[in-house]
């Protein structure tokens, strides 16, 4: 499975990449601008996006997908260490999975299985 991780914290990104690269092809975008560039160049089976980032939020990226790549919406999940209430309302309203940091491998694998099921449908 080809995965995109959108995460502004390099240490978290490196940890996820280390964890996932054994079974998946993983690319990292440190911000929304880079994520958009990668999505325009690469077909991803799953996207894991941090919610709160300095240069644009995971919600901003989701809104961009709604307009430009709606077929990717079922393949997106959010990661968060906490959200402002207005951000939480949007994120939870998308219906996308939300992984609360720090998350365990089990919930992450559940999300990845969900991405695989969207490929089969």
N, C-alpha and C. Protein backbone atom coordinates (compact mmCIF):
# COMPACT_ATOMS: atom_id res chain seq x y z
N UNK A 1 0.84 -1.17 0.00
CA UNK A 1 0.00 0.00 0.00
C UNK A 1 0.90 1.24 0.00
N UNK A 2 0.52 2.24 -0.81
CA UNK A 2 1.28 3.48 -0.89
C UNK A 2 0.60 4.50 0.01
N UNK A 3 1.34 4.99 1.02
CA UNK A 3 0.78 5.89 2.03
C UNK A 3 1.46 7.25 2.00
N UNK A 4 0.67 8.29 2.29
CA UNK A 4 1.19 9.64 2.47
C UNK A 4 0.97 10.03 3.92
N UNK A 5 2.04 10.46 4.57
CA UNK A 5 1.95 10.98 5.93
C UNK A 5 2.16 12.49 5.86
N UNK A 6 1.18 13.23 6.38
CA UNK A 6 1.29 14.68 6.45
C UNK A 6 1.46 15.02 7.93
N UNK A 7 2.66 15.42 8.28
CA UNK A 7 3.00 15.64 9.70
C UNK A 7 4.10 16.68 9.80
N UNK A 8 3.88 17.73 10.57
CA UNK A 8 4.87 18.79 10.71
C UNK A 8 5.99 18.46 11.69
N UNK A 9 5.78 17.50 12.56
CA UNK A 9 6.81 17.13 13.54
C UNK A 9 7.68 16.02 12.95
N UNK A 10 8.93 16.34 12.61
CA UNK A 10 9.80 15.33 11.98
C UNK A 10 9.98 14.06 12.81
N UNK A 11 10.03 14.18 14.13
CA UNK A 11 10.23 13.00 14.97
C UNK A 11 9.03 12.06 14.86
N UNK A 12 7.84 12.60 14.87
CA UNK A 12 6.63 11.77 14.71
C UNK A 12 6.61 11.15 13.32
N UNK A 13 6.93 11.95 12.31
CA UNK A 13 6.95 11.43 10.93
C UNK A 13 7.95 10.28 10.79
N UNK A 14 9.16 10.48 11.34
CA UNK A 14 10.18 9.42 11.25
C UNK A 14 9.71 8.14 11.94
N UNK A 15 9.08 8.30 13.11
CA UNK A 15 8.58 7.13 13.82
C UNK A 15 7.52 6.38 13.02
N UNK A 16 6.60 7.11 12.42
CA UNK A 16 5.57 6.47 11.59
C UNK A 16 6.18 5.79 10.37
N UNK A 17 7.11 6.48 9.74
CA UNK A 17 7.76 5.89 8.56
C UNK A 17 8.48 4.61 8.94
N UNK A 18 9.22 4.64 10.04
CA UNK A 18 9.94 3.46 10.50
C UNK A 18 8.97 2.31 10.77
N UNK A 19 7.85 2.62 11.36
CA UNK A 19 6.85 1.62 11.69
C UNK A 19 6.17 1.04 10.45
N UNK A 20 5.90 1.88 9.47
CA UNK A 20 5.11 1.48 8.31
C UNK A 20 5.91 0.98 7.12
N UNK A 21 7.18 1.38 7.01
CA UNK A 21 7.93 1.09 5.78
C UNK A 21 8.21 -0.39 5.55
N UNK A 22 8.08 -1.20 6.59
CA UNK A 22 8.31 -2.64 6.41
C UNK A 22 7.25 -3.26 5.50
N UNK A 23 6.03 -2.75 5.56
CA UNK A 23 4.93 -3.34 4.80
C UNK A 23 4.33 -2.40 3.76
N UNK A 24 4.76 -1.14 3.74
CA UNK A 24 4.13 -0.15 2.86
C UNK A 24 5.18 0.77 2.26
N UNK A 25 4.81 1.37 1.14
CA UNK A 25 5.62 2.43 0.56
C UNK A 25 5.11 3.74 1.17
N UNK A 26 5.99 4.49 1.82
CA UNK A 26 5.57 5.66 2.58
C UNK A 26 6.29 6.90 2.08
N UNK A 27 5.51 7.97 1.88
CA UNK A 27 6.07 9.29 1.57
C UNK A 27 5.61 10.25 2.64
N UNK A 28 6.44 11.25 2.91
CA UNK A 28 6.16 12.22 3.98
C UNK A 28 6.10 13.62 3.41
N UNK A 29 5.08 14.35 3.85
CA UNK A 29 4.96 15.78 3.55
C UNK A 29 4.95 16.52 4.88
N UNK A 30 5.85 17.48 5.08
CA UNK A 30 5.88 18.21 6.34
C UNK A 30 4.82 19.31 6.44
N UNK A 31 4.12 19.56 5.33
CA UNK A 31 3.08 20.60 5.35
C UNK A 31 2.07 20.33 4.23
N UNK A 32 1.00 21.12 4.24
CA UNK A 32 -0.09 20.92 3.29
C UNK A 32 0.35 21.22 1.86
N UNK A 33 1.17 22.24 1.67
CA UNK A 33 1.63 22.58 0.32
C UNK A 33 2.36 21.40 -0.32
N UNK A 34 3.28 20.78 0.43
CA UNK A 34 4.01 19.62 -0.09
C UNK A 34 3.07 18.44 -0.31
N UNK A 35 2.09 18.26 0.58
CA UNK A 35 1.13 17.17 0.43
C UNK A 35 0.34 17.32 -0.87
N UNK A 36 -0.09 18.53 -1.18
CA UNK A 36 -0.84 18.77 -2.42
C UNK A 36 0.03 18.43 -3.63
N UNK A 37 1.29 18.84 -3.59
CA UNK A 37 2.21 18.53 -4.69
C UNK A 37 2.35 17.02 -4.86
N UNK A 38 2.50 16.30 -3.77
CA UNK A 38 2.66 14.85 -3.86
C UNK A 38 1.40 14.18 -4.38
N UNK A 39 0.24 14.65 -3.95
CA UNK A 39 -1.03 14.05 -4.42
C UNK A 39 -1.21 14.29 -5.91
N UNK A 40 -0.72 15.40 -6.42
CA UNK A 40 -0.83 15.67 -7.85
C UNK A 40 0.10 14.78 -8.68
N UNK A 41 1.16 14.26 -8.05
CA UNK A 41 2.16 13.44 -8.76
C UNK A 41 2.03 11.94 -8.53
N UNK A 42 1.35 11.54 -7.45
CA UNK A 42 1.38 10.15 -7.01
C UNK A 42 -0.02 9.68 -6.65
N UNK A 43 -0.30 8.43 -6.92
CA UNK A 43 -1.57 7.83 -6.50
C UNK A 43 -1.33 7.16 -5.14
N UNK A 44 -2.08 7.62 -4.14
CA UNK A 44 -1.93 7.07 -2.79
C UNK A 44 -3.12 6.20 -2.43
N UNK A 45 -2.82 5.11 -1.71
CA UNK A 45 -3.86 4.22 -1.21
C UNK A 45 -4.40 4.69 0.13
N UNK A 46 -3.63 5.52 0.83
CA UNK A 46 -4.05 6.03 2.12
C UNK A 46 -3.30 7.29 2.49
N UNK A 47 -3.97 8.17 3.23
CA UNK A 47 -3.38 9.42 3.67
C UNK A 47 -3.62 9.56 5.17
N UNK A 48 -2.55 9.76 5.92
CA UNK A 48 -2.63 10.03 7.35
C UNK A 48 -2.18 11.46 7.57
N UNK A 49 -3.10 12.32 8.02
CA UNK A 49 -2.78 13.73 8.15
C UNK A 49 -2.94 14.22 9.58
N UNK A 50 -1.90 14.90 10.06
CA UNK A 50 -2.00 15.61 11.32
C UNK A 50 -3.10 16.66 11.16
N UNK A 51 -3.74 17.03 12.25
CA UNK A 51 -4.79 18.04 12.18
C UNK A 51 -4.20 19.43 12.35
N UNK A 52 -3.47 19.65 13.43
CA UNK A 52 -2.97 20.99 13.76
C UNK A 52 -1.52 21.14 13.29
N UNK A 53 -1.33 22.00 12.29
CA UNK A 53 0.01 22.29 11.77
C UNK A 53 0.11 23.79 11.54
N UNK A 54 1.30 24.35 11.63
CA UNK A 54 1.44 25.80 11.50
C UNK A 54 1.08 26.36 10.12
N UNK A 55 1.34 25.62 9.06
CA UNK A 55 1.15 26.15 7.71
C UNK A 55 -0.07 25.55 7.02
N UNK A 56 -1.16 25.37 7.75
CA UNK A 56 -2.38 24.78 7.19
C UNK A 56 -2.73 23.52 7.94
N UNK A 57 -4.00 23.32 8.13
CA UNK A 57 -4.45 22.19 8.95
C UNK A 57 -4.83 20.97 8.10
N UNK A 58 -4.97 19.86 8.77
CA UNK A 58 -5.50 18.67 8.11
C UNK A 58 -6.89 18.92 7.56
N UNK A 59 -7.67 19.76 8.25
CA UNK A 59 -9.00 20.11 7.76
C UNK A 59 -8.90 20.90 6.46
N UNK A 60 -7.91 21.80 6.36
CA UNK A 60 -7.69 22.54 5.11
C UNK A 60 -7.37 21.57 3.98
N UNK A 61 -6.53 20.60 4.25
CA UNK A 61 -6.19 19.60 3.23
C UNK A 61 -7.42 18.80 2.84
N UNK A 62 -8.23 18.42 3.81
CA UNK A 62 -9.46 17.67 3.52
C UNK A 62 -10.38 18.50 2.61
N UNK A 63 -10.54 19.77 2.93
CA UNK A 63 -11.38 20.65 2.10
C UNK A 63 -10.86 20.71 0.66
N UNK A 64 -9.53 20.72 0.51
CA UNK A 64 -8.92 20.71 -0.83
C UNK A 64 -9.25 19.40 -1.55
N UNK A 65 -9.15 18.29 -0.83
CA UNK A 65 -9.50 17.01 -1.45
C UNK A 65 -10.95 16.98 -1.90
N UNK A 66 -11.86 17.54 -1.10
CA UNK A 66 -13.28 17.56 -1.45
C UNK A 66 -13.46 18.16 -2.84
N UNK A 67 -12.73 19.22 -3.12
CA UNK A 67 -12.87 19.92 -4.40
C UNK A 67 -12.07 19.25 -5.51
N UNK A 68 -10.82 18.87 -5.23
CA UNK A 68 -9.91 18.44 -6.29
C UNK A 68 -9.75 16.93 -6.45
N UNK A 69 -9.92 16.17 -5.38
CA UNK A 69 -9.71 14.71 -5.44
C UNK A 69 -10.69 13.99 -4.52
N UNK A 70 -11.98 14.13 -4.73
CA UNK A 70 -12.95 13.53 -3.81
C UNK A 70 -12.85 12.01 -3.71
N UNK A 71 -12.29 11.37 -4.73
CA UNK A 71 -12.12 9.91 -4.67
C UNK A 71 -11.16 9.49 -3.56
N UNK A 72 -10.33 10.43 -3.07
CA UNK A 72 -9.38 10.10 -2.00
C UNK A 72 -9.97 10.25 -0.60
N UNK A 73 -11.14 10.84 -0.48
CA UNK A 73 -11.73 11.08 0.85
C UNK A 73 -11.87 9.80 1.68
N UNK A 74 -12.32 8.67 1.09
CA UNK A 74 -12.41 7.45 1.91
C UNK A 74 -11.06 6.88 2.32
N UNK A 75 -9.99 7.42 1.77
CA UNK A 75 -8.64 6.93 2.05
C UNK A 75 -7.87 7.88 2.95
N UNK A 76 -8.58 8.78 3.65
CA UNK A 76 -7.91 9.75 4.51
C UNK A 76 -8.30 9.52 5.96
N UNK A 77 -7.30 9.65 6.82
CA UNK A 77 -7.53 9.60 8.27
C UNK A 77 -6.77 10.76 8.91
N UNK A 78 -7.27 11.22 10.03
CA UNK A 78 -6.64 12.31 10.77
C UNK A 78 -5.87 11.76 11.96
N UNK A 79 -4.79 12.45 12.32
CA UNK A 79 -4.03 12.17 13.53
C UNK A 79 -4.02 13.46 14.34
N UNK A 80 -4.26 13.35 15.65
CA UNK A 80 -4.28 14.57 16.44
C UNK A 80 -3.84 14.33 17.87
N UNK A 81 -3.20 15.35 18.39
CA UNK A 81 -2.86 15.38 19.81
C UNK A 81 -3.78 16.31 20.56
N UNK A 82 -4.79 16.81 19.88
CA UNK A 82 -5.76 17.74 20.45
C UNK A 82 -6.17 18.75 19.41
N UNK A 83 -7.42 19.19 19.49
CA UNK A 83 -7.95 20.13 18.51
C UNK A 83 -8.80 21.18 19.21
N UNK A 84 -8.84 22.36 18.62
CA UNK A 84 -9.78 23.38 19.06
C UNK A 84 -11.19 22.89 18.73
N UNK A 85 -12.18 23.35 19.46
CA UNK A 85 -13.53 22.82 19.30
C UNK A 85 -14.08 23.00 17.90
N UNK A 86 -13.81 24.14 17.25
CA UNK A 86 -14.32 24.33 15.89
C UNK A 86 -13.64 23.38 14.90
N UNK A 87 -12.36 23.11 15.11
CA UNK A 87 -11.64 22.16 14.27
C UNK A 87 -12.16 20.75 14.52
N UNK A 88 -12.39 20.43 15.77
CA UNK A 88 -12.90 19.11 16.12
C UNK A 88 -14.25 18.86 15.46
N UNK A 89 -15.11 19.86 15.43
CA UNK A 89 -16.42 19.72 14.79
C UNK A 89 -16.29 19.38 13.33
N UNK A 90 -15.38 20.06 12.62
CA UNK A 90 -15.20 19.78 11.20
C UNK A 90 -14.63 18.38 11.00
N UNK A 91 -13.54 18.08 11.71
CA UNK A 91 -12.86 16.80 11.53
C UNK A 91 -13.79 15.64 11.84
N UNK A 92 -14.47 15.70 12.95
CA UNK A 92 -15.39 14.60 13.31
C UNK A 92 -16.56 14.52 12.32
N UNK A 93 -16.96 15.67 11.78
CA UNK A 93 -18.06 15.70 10.82
C UNK A 93 -17.73 15.08 9.47
N UNK A 94 -16.44 14.91 9.18
CA UNK A 94 -16.06 14.31 7.90
C UNK A 94 -16.37 12.82 7.85
N UNK A 95 -16.43 12.21 9.03
CA UNK A 95 -16.61 10.76 9.07
C UNK A 95 -15.31 9.99 8.89
N UNK A 96 -14.21 10.70 8.65
CA UNK A 96 -12.91 10.04 8.49
C UNK A 96 -12.43 9.54 9.84
N UNK A 97 -11.66 8.46 9.85
CA UNK A 97 -11.09 7.98 11.12
C UNK A 97 -10.19 9.03 11.76
N UNK A 98 -10.20 9.06 13.08
CA UNK A 98 -9.35 9.99 13.83
C UNK A 98 -8.51 9.17 14.81
N UNK A 99 -7.20 9.25 14.67
CA UNK A 99 -6.28 8.59 15.58
C UNK A 99 -5.80 9.63 16.58
N UNK A 100 -6.03 9.37 17.86
CA UNK A 100 -5.61 10.28 18.93
C UNK A 100 -4.18 9.95 19.32
N UNK A 101 -3.28 10.93 19.17
CA UNK A 101 -1.87 10.73 19.54
C UNK A 101 -1.75 10.74 21.06
N UNK A 102 -0.89 9.91 21.61
CA UNK A 102 -0.18 8.83 20.92
C UNK A 102 -1.13 7.65 20.71
N UNK A 103 -1.08 7.07 19.53
CA UNK A 103 -1.96 5.95 19.24
C UNK A 103 -1.16 4.65 19.18
N UNK A 104 -1.88 3.57 19.39
CA UNK A 104 -1.27 2.24 19.38
C UNK A 104 -1.29 1.67 17.97
N UNK A 105 -0.53 0.63 17.78
CA UNK A 105 -0.44 -0.02 16.47
C UNK A 105 -1.78 -0.62 16.05
N UNK A 106 -2.55 -1.14 16.99
CA UNK A 106 -3.84 -1.77 16.66
C UNK A 106 -4.79 -0.81 15.96
N UNK A 107 -5.07 0.37 16.54
CA UNK A 107 -5.94 1.32 15.86
C UNK A 107 -5.38 1.79 14.51
N UNK A 108 -4.06 1.95 14.41
CA UNK A 108 -3.46 2.33 13.13
C UNK A 108 -3.71 1.23 12.09
N UNK A 109 -3.49 -0.01 12.47
CA UNK A 109 -3.74 -1.12 11.54
C UNK A 109 -5.21 -1.20 11.14
N UNK A 110 -6.11 -0.89 12.06
CA UNK A 110 -7.55 -0.85 11.71
C UNK A 110 -7.81 0.18 10.62
N UNK A 111 -7.21 1.34 10.75
CA UNK A 111 -7.38 2.39 9.74
C UNK A 111 -6.81 1.93 8.40
N UNK A 112 -5.64 1.31 8.42
CA UNK A 112 -5.02 0.84 7.17
C UNK A 112 -5.87 -0.24 6.52
N UNK A 113 -6.46 -1.11 7.31
CA UNK A 113 -7.37 -2.14 6.76
C UNK A 113 -8.57 -1.46 6.10
N UNK A 114 -9.05 -0.39 6.72
CA UNK A 114 -10.15 0.36 6.13
C UNK A 114 -9.77 0.95 4.78
N UNK A 115 -8.54 1.43 4.65
CA UNK A 115 -8.08 1.94 3.36
C UNK A 115 -8.07 0.81 2.32
N UNK A 116 -7.62 -0.37 2.73
CA UNK A 116 -7.59 -1.51 1.82
C UNK A 116 -8.98 -1.87 1.34
N UNK A 117 -9.96 -1.79 2.22
CA UNK A 117 -11.33 -2.12 1.84
C UNK A 117 -11.87 -1.13 0.80
N UNK A 118 -11.46 0.14 0.88
CA UNK A 118 -11.92 1.11 -0.14
C UNK A 118 -11.33 0.79 -1.49
N UNK A 119 -10.16 0.13 -1.52
CA UNK A 119 -9.56 -0.28 -2.77
C UNK A 119 -10.34 -1.42 -3.41
N UNK A 120 -10.88 -2.29 -2.56
CA UNK A 120 -11.61 -3.47 -3.04
C UNK A 120 -12.99 -3.11 -3.57
N UNK A 121 -13.56 -2.04 -3.00
CA UNK A 121 -14.95 -1.67 -3.36
C UNK A 121 -15.06 -1.12 -4.77
